[in-house]
Amino acid sequence: MNPLPTHTATDHRQQAMHEQGFVLLHGVLSPALVDEIRAAIDQLEPIHWDYTGLVDHYKCVFNRDPVWLPYLDLPGVIELAEASLGEDCHIIGQTAWRCHPGFIGADLHVDYLAMTLPRSLLADPTFELPMQICTAQVYLDEITEDLCPTLVIPGSHRAGRKPLEGETNWQGRGAQPVLCQPGDVLFLRSELWHAGSRNRTRDRTRYLLQIHYGRRMVAQKFSPYLAWQFNPAVLDACTPRQRRLLGEHEPAEYD
């Protein structure tokens, strides 16, 4: 007799990705690693399309120093990324943020919508909408109501469209704040309706690291594009899995 299948934590998390469009992973990073990333963000200097001000935003940080490499394939996160996007998925970005008091956030939006689909299909509970791009948001602070919580509308990835201007709910569901602890990771699919909220504190800055994953056939568009070069020190420090995440794939049909 064959044994019954065992459902792993990744299985349950992937189910949540299909049903809710996101999942919150608790305690992915230790306090020491949280402190390490915060210190590394403080050392960043803006280049190319980076900008600083009420929000400091740094792109492609993986290419600046090997210190960023372990955060491309965090335990529990990378397994979910590979289960959701395929074992040959790769990264399409790694961004670091500091959101200072007064930061205004972002309106309800989707990150990427591959195609519009008929409502009849999306309303069918037996239909699973394949994922194309997902983002891991690594929180480096205790996220409270007044410190820039990410807002999500559960299930809204099945809307099959972007939110309209001024739209604040989907099927009667409003946006909910994701309140969490340092070292927690919010993993969300690109079609989910979500928003960034204000930093209403007087003296706290929210630190955040994002890792963006895409399917093998989702292009890697690392700025500054035609002038892009991989940092040799970073490549030398990569594990085989990290090299694949940076784009070292087996040959495929369009290579």
Foldseek 3Di string as FASTA:
>chain_A
DDDDDDQDPLNVQLVQCQFFQKDKFAQLDDLVVLVVVVVVVVPDDDDDPFDDDLKGKHKQVLQVALVCLCVQCGPPVNSNLCVQFNVLKAWQIKMKMKHHAPRAKWAWWFQDQPAADDLVQLVPPVDGDRFFKKKKKQWSAQDDPQAWFKWFFTPQLSVRDIDDVPDAHDPPTGTDGDGGHHGMIMMGTRSTTMITGHNNDDGDIIIIMMIMMGHLPPDRQGPVRVPDDGRVNNVVPDDPSSVSNVPPDDDDDPD
